[in-house]
Protein backbone atom coordinates (compact mmCIF):
# COMPACT_ATOMS: atom_id res chain seq x y z
CA THR A 1 -0.01 0.49 -0.15
CA ILE A 2 1.47 3.14 -1.22
CA GLY A 3 -0.68 6.40 0.76
CA ASP A 4 -4.33 4.76 -0.57
CA LYS A 5 -3.68 3.42 -3.31
CA ALA A 6 -3.08 -0.59 -3.08
CA ILE A 7 -0.85 -2.21 -4.75
CA LYS A 8 -0.57 -6.21 -5.50
CA LEU A 9 2.13 -7.56 -6.68
CA GLU A 10 3.45 -11.46 -6.92
CA VAL A 11 6.06 -12.28 -5.27
CA ALA A 12 9.64 -13.70 -6.33
CA LYS A 13 9.20 -16.93 -3.64
CA ASN A 14 12.74 -18.70 -5.69
CA ALA A 15 16.19 -17.78 -8.04
CA ILE A 16 14.01 -19.08 -10.84
CA ALA A 17 10.86 -16.90 -10.67
CA GLN A 18 13.35 -14.50 -9.48
CA GLN A 19 15.37 -14.30 -12.54
CA THR A 20 12.31 -14.21 -15.13
CA GLY A 21 10.03 -11.87 -13.36
CA LEU A 22 8.13 -10.20 -15.11
CA THR A 23 9.51 -11.04 -18.79
CA HIS A 24 7.84 -12.27 -21.96
CA ARG A 25 4.36 -10.96 -20.15
CA PRO A 26 2.45 -8.85 -23.01
CA ASP A 27 1.43 -6.09 -20.63
CA ILE A 28 0.22 -6.65 -16.93
CA PRO A 29 -2.73 -4.40 -15.34
CA SER A 30 -1.14 -0.70 -13.43
CA ASP A 31 -2.69 -2.88 -10.37
CA ARG A 32 -0.21 -4.89 -10.42
CA GLY A 33 3.65 -5.78 -10.24
CA MET A 34 6.03 -8.32 -8.70
CA LEU A 35 8.27 -8.25 -5.39
CA TYR A 36 11.32 -9.54 -5.21
CA GLN A 37 12.32 -9.70 -1.38
CA THR A 38 16.36 -10.28 -1.08
CA THR A 39 19.21 -9.47 1.75
CA THR A 40 22.26 -7.19 1.70
CA GLN A 41 24.33 -9.98 0.74
CA GLN A 42 22.17 -10.77 -2.23
CA PRO A 43 21.54 -7.39 -4.27
CA LEU A 44 19.05 -7.39 -7.17
CA THR A 45 20.18 -6.57 -10.30
CA PHE A 46 17.45 -5.66 -13.36
CA SER A 47 17.16 -4.58 -16.60
CA GLY A 48 14.58 -4.31 -18.74
CA LYS A 49 16.15 -7.91 -21.48
CA GLY A 50 13.28 -9.91 -22.13
CA MET A 51 10.02 -7.24 -21.00
CA GLU A 52 7.33 -6.46 -23.22
CA PHE A 53 6.61 -3.42 -21.27
CA ALA A 54 8.24 -1.04 -19.41
CA THR A 55 8.67 -0.74 -15.42
CA ASP A 56 9.37 1.10 -12.75
CA LEU A 57 11.67 0.10 -10.29
CA ILE A 58 10.71 0.83 -6.39
CA PHE A 59 13.50 -0.40 -4.12
CA ILE A 60 13.05 -0.35 -0.34
CA ASN A 61 14.43 -0.51 3.14
CA LYS A 62 12.38 -1.35 6.36
CA ASN A 63 9.05 0.65 4.28
CA ARG A 64 10.69 3.00 2.70
CA VAL A 65 11.47 3.84 -0.48
CA VAL A 66 15.36 4.00 -1.11
CA GLY A 67 15.66 4.54 -4.17
CA LEU A 68 13.86 4.16 -8.10
CA TYR A 69 14.36 3.97 -11.32
CA ALA A 70 11.44 4.92 -13.91
CA ASN A 71 10.41 3.93 -17.69
CA VAL A 72 13.19 1.29 -17.44
CA THR A 73 12.13 0.55 -21.20
CA PRO A 74 11.96 -3.08 -22.30
CA CYS A 75 15.67 -3.70 -24.64
CA THR A 76 17.39 -6.78 -26.13
CA ASP A 77 20.97 -6.35 -26.49
CA LYS A 78 23.35 -4.00 -24.94
CA CYS A 79 21.35 -3.56 -21.80
CA THR A 80 21.27 -1.35 -18.06
CA ASN A 81 21.49 -3.02 -15.31
CA TYR A 82 20.06 -0.99 -12.62
CA SER A 83 20.57 -2.40 -9.32
CA LEU A 84 21.77 0.52 -6.01
CA PRO A 85 23.95 0.01 -3.89
CA GLN A 86 22.88 0.39 -0.39
CA LYS A 87 20.82 -1.67 1.72
CA TYR A 88 17.66 -2.48 0.64
CA ASP A 89 15.29 -5.22 0.79
CA ALA A 90 12.93 -5.21 -1.36
CA VAL A 91 12.13 -4.03 -4.72
CA MET A 92 9.12 -3.65 -5.86
CA GLU A 93 8.37 -3.92 -10.05
CA VAL A 94 5.45 -1.62 -11.06
CA LYS A 95 4.09 -0.94 -14.72
CA ALA A 96 5.98 3.01 -15.90
CA GLY A 97 3.85 5.98 -14.75
CA ILE A 98 3.34 4.14 -10.50
CA VAL A 99 6.19 6.74 -9.87
CA GLU A 100 4.53 9.67 -11.49
CA LYS A 101 1.19 9.18 -10.61
CA LEU A 102 1.42 8.24 -6.76
CA GLY A 103 3.97 11.23 -6.78
CA ILE A 104 6.39 7.65 -5.29
CA LYS A 105 9.88 9.27 -3.95
CA ASN A 106 12.66 8.48 -1.67
CA ASP A 107 11.73 8.38 0.89
CA THR A 108 7.64 7.27 0.24
CA GLU A 109 6.91 4.93 3.34
CA ILE A 110 5.06 1.53 1.55
CA GLU A 111 3.21 -0.50 3.91
CA LEU A 112 4.01 -4.43 2.71
CA THR A 113 1.21 -6.86 3.58
CA TYR A 114 1.08 -10.71 3.33
CA ALA A 115 -2.59 -11.00 1.93
CA GLY A 116 -2.30 -14.30 -0.81
CA ARG A 117 -2.18 -18.23 0.00
CA ASN A 118 0.85 -20.20 0.82
């Protein structure tokens, strides 16, 4: 939840899910996305490779935004990698435009609530 807006996130629960993420999907609704959880020992790196639509990447540490990349565009060759040097424990990948639409910036509070099935 960001402010009063809820985004339903699939959780990438294993290495394969983290590697594939949202790749090869034709599109997703603007209120959906993917959540990647990590530790400082395993920082995550993202790119637009294999994507069919642009995304926003929101890096979170203890329910606060610590960095973001807006409008990561699809690519096929020589793709830019996106990560952060500072500590984070989760990354939300959502449809491009959400960062701007919801006014997300560093230090924005994001409440992550588990409401799904195992």
